[in-house]
Protein backbone atom coordinates (compact mmCIF):
# COMPACT_ATOMS: atom_id res chain seq x y z
CA UNK A 1 -21.42 -14.34 6.99
CA UNK A 2 -22.20 -16.00 10.38
CA UNK A 3 -21.11 -19.28 8.88
CA UNK A 4 -17.70 -17.45 8.05
CA UNK A 5 -17.32 -16.43 11.84
CA UNK A 6 -17.54 -12.65 10.75
CA UNK A 7 -20.22 -10.12 12.16
CA UNK A 8 -23.37 -9.69 10.30
CA UNK A 9 -24.38 -6.16 9.43
CA UNK A 10 -24.05 -3.54 6.46
CA UNK A 11 -20.83 -3.07 4.85
CA UNK A 12 -19.35 0.50 5.07
CA UNK A 13 -18.49 1.79 1.98
CA UNK A 14 -19.71 1.78 -1.85
CA UNK A 15 -19.10 -0.74 -4.56
CA UNK A 16 -16.23 0.48 -7.05
CA UNK A 17 -15.35 -0.84 -10.49
CA UNK A 18 -13.44 -3.93 -9.12
CA UNK A 19 -10.79 -3.82 -11.78
CA UNK A 20 -7.88 -6.06 -11.03
CA UNK A 21 -5.00 -8.06 -12.74
CA UNK A 22 -2.73 -10.89 -11.80
CA UNK A 23 0.32 -9.88 -10.18
CA UNK A 24 -0.69 -6.09 -9.93
CA UNK A 25 0.17 -5.71 -6.27
CA UNK A 26 3.51 -7.59 -6.39
CA UNK A 27 5.51 -4.60 -5.18
CA UNK A 28 3.58 -3.65 -2.26
CA UNK A 29 3.42 -7.50 -1.17
CA UNK A 30 7.18 -7.65 -1.56
CA UNK A 31 7.62 -4.46 0.48
CA UNK A 32 5.06 -5.82 3.37
CA UNK A 33 6.77 -9.23 3.37
CA UNK A 34 10.33 -7.56 3.81
CA UNK A 35 9.13 -4.76 6.53
CA UNK A 36 10.36 -6.06 9.94
CA UNK A 37 7.26 -3.76 11.50
CA UNK A 38 4.95 -5.87 9.64
CA UNK A 39 6.12 -9.03 10.86
CA UNK A 40 6.40 -7.29 14.45
CA UNK A 41 2.77 -6.75 14.00
CA UNK A 42 1.87 -10.19 12.86
CA UNK A 43 4.19 -11.69 15.47
CA UNK A 44 1.22 -13.55 17.50
CA UNK A 45 -0.25 -16.93 17.32
CA UNK A 46 -2.51 -17.36 13.99
CA UNK A 47 -2.12 -13.38 12.97
CA UNK A 48 -5.02 -12.07 10.80
CA UNK A 49 -4.65 -9.92 7.77
CA UNK A 50 -7.39 -8.47 5.67
CA UNK A 51 -7.17 -7.67 1.97
CA UNK A 52 -9.76 -5.03 1.36
CA UNK A 53 -11.64 -4.43 -1.90
CA UNK A 54 -9.59 -7.28 -3.71
CA UNK A 55 -12.06 -6.56 -6.73
CA UNK A 56 -13.55 -8.90 -9.50
CA UNK A 57 -11.15 -11.68 -8.91
CA UNK A 58 -9.41 -13.05 -5.97
CA UNK A 59 -5.98 -13.18 -7.51
CA UNK A 60 -4.25 -10.50 -5.48
CA UNK A 61 -5.65 -11.72 -2.26
CA UNK A 62 -4.26 -15.26 -3.00
CA UNK A 63 -0.91 -13.73 -4.03
CA UNK A 64 -0.62 -11.54 -0.84
CA UNK A 65 -1.23 -14.72 1.18
CA UNK A 66 1.42 -16.51 -0.55
CA UNK A 67 4.07 -13.88 -0.41
CA UNK A 68 3.59 -12.94 3.28
CA UNK A 69 3.39 -16.75 4.51
CA UNK A 70 6.95 -17.09 3.32
CA UNK A 71 7.88 -14.75 6.32
CA UNK A 72 4.76 -15.28 8.36
CA UNK A 73 3.71 -19.06 8.04
CA UNK A 74 0.73 -19.14 9.84
CA UNK A 75 -0.86 -16.06 8.64
CA UNK A 76 -4.82 -16.16 8.29
CA UNK A 77 -6.02 -14.20 5.33
CA UNK A 78 -9.44 -12.93 4.53
CA UNK A 79 -10.36 -11.00 1.40
CA UNK A 80 -13.31 -8.43 2.07
CA UNK A 81 -15.56 -7.18 -0.79
CA UNK A 82 -18.33 -4.87 -0.48
CA UNK A 83 -20.01 -6.47 -3.74
CA UNK A 84 -21.96 -9.64 -2.76
CA UNK A 85 -21.43 -10.83 -6.45
CA UNK A 86 -17.78 -10.92 -6.02
CA UNK A 87 -17.26 -13.05 -3.13
CA UNK A 88 -15.92 -16.64 -3.99
CA UNK A 89 -15.09 -19.79 -1.79
CA UNK A 90 -12.26 -20.41 -0.06
CA UNK A 91 -9.15 -21.20 -2.01
CA UNK A 92 -5.40 -21.49 -1.17
CA UNK A 93 -6.02 -21.15 2.38
CA UNK A 94 -7.64 -17.71 1.89
CA UNK A 95 -11.53 -17.07 2.95
CA UNK A 96 -13.55 -14.27 1.19
CA UNK A 97 -16.44 -12.41 2.77
CA UNK A 98 -18.74 -9.36 2.66
CA UNK A 99 -17.18 -6.26 4.18
CA UNK A 100 -16.05 -2.80 3.83
CA UNK A 101 -14.31 -0.25 5.92
CA UNK A 102 -15.80 -1.76 9.18
CA UNK A 103 -13.65 -4.83 8.35
CA UNK A 104 -16.39 -7.17 8.99
CA UNK A 105 -16.45 -6.91 12.59
CA UNK A 106 -12.83 -8.55 12.67
CA UNK A 107 -9.65 -7.34 14.47
CA UNK A 108 -7.03 -7.58 11.87
CA UNK A 109 -3.21 -7.11 12.81
CA UNK A 110 -2.64 -6.18 8.86
CA UNK A 111 -4.81 -4.50 6.50
CA UNK A 112 -4.29 -4.03 2.88
CA UNK A 113 -6.64 -1.54 1.05
CA UNK A 114 -5.44 -1.06 -2.43
CA UNK A 115 -7.22 1.14 -5.42
CA UNK A 116 -10.20 1.29 -3.24
CA UNK A 117 -10.20 5.02 -1.99
CA UNK A 118 -8.87 6.21 -5.14
CA UNK A 119 -12.56 5.98 -6.49
CA UNK A 120 -13.70 8.19 -3.35
CA UNK A 121 -13.62 12.03 -2.79
CA UNK A 122 -10.47 13.45 -1.06
CA UNK A 123 -12.85 14.69 1.92
CA UNK A 124 -13.83 11.10 2.39
CA UNK A 125 -10.43 9.65 3.02
CA UNK A 126 -9.96 10.25 6.82
CA UNK A 127 -13.19 8.84 7.79
CA UNK A 128 -12.37 5.75 5.85
CA UNK A 129 -8.83 5.71 7.46
CA UNK A 130 -10.56 6.40 11.29
CA UNK A 131 -12.76 3.58 10.66
CA UNK A 132 -10.21 1.19 9.40
CA UNK A 133 -7.74 2.09 12.22
CA UNK A 134 -10.37 1.64 14.87
CA UNK A 135 -10.91 -1.97 13.94
CA UNK A 136 -7.34 -3.07 14.12
CA UNK A 137 -5.64 -5.35 16.82
CA UNK A 138 -3.23 -3.76 18.96
CA UNK A 139 -0.14 -2.90 17.22
CA UNK A 140 -2.00 -3.57 13.55
CA UNK A 141 -0.94 -1.64 10.44
CA UNK A 142 -2.77 -0.36 7.15
CA UNK A 143 -1.38 -0.21 3.84
CA UNK A 144 -3.42 1.92 1.91
CA UNK A 145 -2.73 2.83 -1.59
CA UNK A 146 -2.73 2.85 -5.37
CA UNK A 147 -1.16 1.45 -8.47
CA UNK A 148 -1.35 1.53 -12.13
CA UNK A 149 -3.12 -1.45 -14.04
CA UNK A 150 -0.03 -3.84 -14.34
CA UNK A 151 1.76 -2.71 -11.01
CA UNK A 152 4.55 -1.05 -12.62
CA UNK A 153 4.15 2.23 -10.44
CA UNK A 154 2.70 1.65 -6.90
CA UNK A 155 2.25 4.31 -3.78
CA UNK A 156 0.95 3.53 -0.66
CA UNK A 157 0.77 5.11 3.01
CA UNK A 158 1.45 2.95 6.16
CA UNK A 159 -0.91 3.64 9.04
CA UNK A 160 -1.33 2.48 12.61
CA UNK A 161 -4.08 3.05 15.16
CA UNK A 162 -2.83 6.67 15.75
CA UNK A 163 -2.85 7.67 12.07
CA UNK A 164 -0.35 8.02 9.09
CA UNK A 165 3.24 7.16 9.62
CA UNK A 166 4.76 7.38 6.03
CA UNK A 167 4.65 7.36 2.37
CA UNK A 168 6.37 5.10 -0.04
CA UNK A 169 6.78 5.04 -3.80
CA UNK A 170 7.89 2.25 -5.79
CA UNK A 171 8.35 1.53 -9.28
CA UNK A 172 9.88 -0.70 -11.80
CA UNK A 173 13.43 0.65 -12.83
CA UNK A 174 12.87 -0.14 -16.24
CA UNK A 175 9.73 1.37 -17.08
CA UNK A 176 9.77 4.81 -15.24
CA UNK A 177 11.82 7.69 -16.57
CA UNK A 178 11.62 10.02 -13.75
CA UNK A 179 10.26 9.69 -10.00
CA UNK A 180 7.77 12.49 -10.75
CA UNK A 181 5.89 10.14 -13.04
CA UNK A 182 4.34 8.35 -9.76
CA UNK A 183 2.44 11.56 -9.30
CA UNK A 184 -0.75 10.05 -11.07
CA UNK A 185 -0.78 7.05 -8.85
CA UNK A 186 -0.31 8.90 -5.37
CA UNK A 187 -2.82 8.03 -2.89
CA UNK A 188 -6.14 9.97 -2.70
CA UNK A 189 -5.00 11.81 0.26
CA UNK A 190 -2.31 13.38 -1.82
CA UNK A 191 -2.94 13.05 -5.39
CA UNK A 192 -4.76 16.55 -5.67
CA UNK A 193 -2.02 18.07 -3.58
CA UNK A 194 0.77 17.76 -6.20
CA UNK A 195 0.76 21.50 -6.67
CA UNK A 196 2.88 24.51 -5.95
CA UNK A 197 3.19 24.96 -2.28
CA UNK A 198 2.30 21.62 -1.16
CA UNK A 199 4.93 19.38 0.42
CA UNK A 200 4.52 16.32 -1.99
CA UNK A 201 5.06 18.54 -4.87
CA UNK A 202 8.39 19.79 -3.46
CA UNK A 203 9.37 16.09 -2.74
CA UNK A 204 8.77 14.92 -6.26
CA UNK A 205 10.39 18.23 -7.84
CA UNK A 206 13.52 17.43 -5.45
CA UNK A 207 13.46 13.81 -6.40
CA UNK A 208 13.54 14.57 -10.14
CA UNK A 209 16.20 16.97 -9.53
CA UNK A 210 18.45 14.30 -7.90
CA UNK A 211 17.62 11.95 -10.64
CA UNK A 212 18.61 14.29 -13.14
CA UNK A 213 21.83 14.91 -11.42
CA UNK A 214 22.63 11.13 -11.14
CA UNK A 215 22.65 10.65 -14.84
CA UNK A 216 26.21 9.75 -15.10
CA UNK A 217 25.03 6.34 -13.18
CA UNK A 218 22.66 5.16 -15.78
CA UNK A 219 25.60 3.22 -17.26
CA UNK A 220 25.35 1.05 -14.22
CA UNK A 221 21.47 0.81 -14.57
CA UNK A 222 18.54 2.20 -13.31
CA UNK A 223 18.62 0.86 -9.89
CA UNK A 224 22.26 2.17 -9.05
CA UNK A 225 21.18 5.42 -10.55
CA UNK A 226 18.23 5.68 -7.97
CA UNK A 227 20.61 4.59 -5.13
CA UNK A 228 22.63 7.30 -5.95
CA UNK A 229 19.74 9.88 -6.59
CA UNK A 230 18.40 8.70 -3.17
CA UNK A 231 21.44 9.52 -1.51
CA UNK A 232 21.58 12.92 -2.85
CA UNK A 233 18.03 13.29 -1.95
CA UNK A 234 18.85 12.39 1.64
CA UNK A 235 21.89 14.66 1.85
CA UNK A 236 19.68 17.50 0.68
CA UNK A 237 17.81 17.13 3.89
CA UNK A 238 14.83 15.21 2.87
CA UNK A 239 14.28 12.41 5.87
CA UNK A 240 14.57 9.36 3.44
CA UNK A 241 14.29 5.91 4.95
CA UNK A 242 16.81 3.76 3.13
CA UNK A 243 15.73 -0.06 3.03
CA UNK A 244 18.08 -2.71 4.25
CA UNK A 245 19.24 -5.07 1.59
CA UNK A 246 19.12 -5.28 -2.12
CA UNK A 247 15.59 -4.53 -3.78
CA UNK A 248 14.18 -5.28 -7.05
CA UNK A 249 12.22 -1.97 -7.13
CA UNK A 250 13.00 1.55 -6.71
CA UNK A 251 11.64 2.84 -3.54
CA UNK A 252 11.27 6.15 -1.88
CA UNK A 253 10.03 6.35 1.45
CA UNK A 254 9.44 9.25 3.62
CA UNK A 255 7.76 10.15 6.99
CA UNK A 256 4.08 11.21 6.71
CA UNK A 257 5.17 14.74 8.06
CA UNK A 258 7.36 15.18 5.23
CA UNK A 259 4.26 15.03 2.55
CA UNK A 260 1.15 15.74 4.78
CA UNK A 261 -1.21 18.35 2.90
CA UNK A 262 -0.91 21.83 4.08
């Protein structure tokens, strides 16, 4: 650890299953690379990013570095794992080390923590968030979320040092019938809140209703249909953030206040 330039000490957290797949996190990588806030957070000499809990293989950490370096060429990326047996030698300009929610004593500008908190209890989420947030560099961001086994459905929360900012749902247009199918991939902070009376439940219900009303656009493809449905969702009063430019994925992004647990 000292040789890697990281702080010694016991990692915070516990070992989880560590299952992963090549290209599993492509949707969140694409979204991060396109987000001007991520680029602004990393607009410093040699910005540091952390992939927390990369799992049994380092593939997704390497893929994250490759995709982000297209827009942040001098990005330094470190993959952290709490299981010493999963730590591998550096590859493709990515280092790997022992660490948990304390982020191994580093001060990263960007943290991706995916499919980690899903295996924790809901009552443990805020403490983990707080520990990661306290370790961020000034202006730093955290992307914490969950996806399915091959990355067709992906949900994440964007946080800064003050707390959660927004929720994003991203999915393959060709492999998801309705927006509410992403409910089973909601981050741990929300997955148990998809019940009557909770804001995330209302959002998914309304998104489904708009999707159904946009059925006439299906002839132009599921991406066009979703854009039309998203506009209806926004017109209904939901504060939807519309991304710039054409996207491969269907995206639904709302402020955290629109879905925060009751």
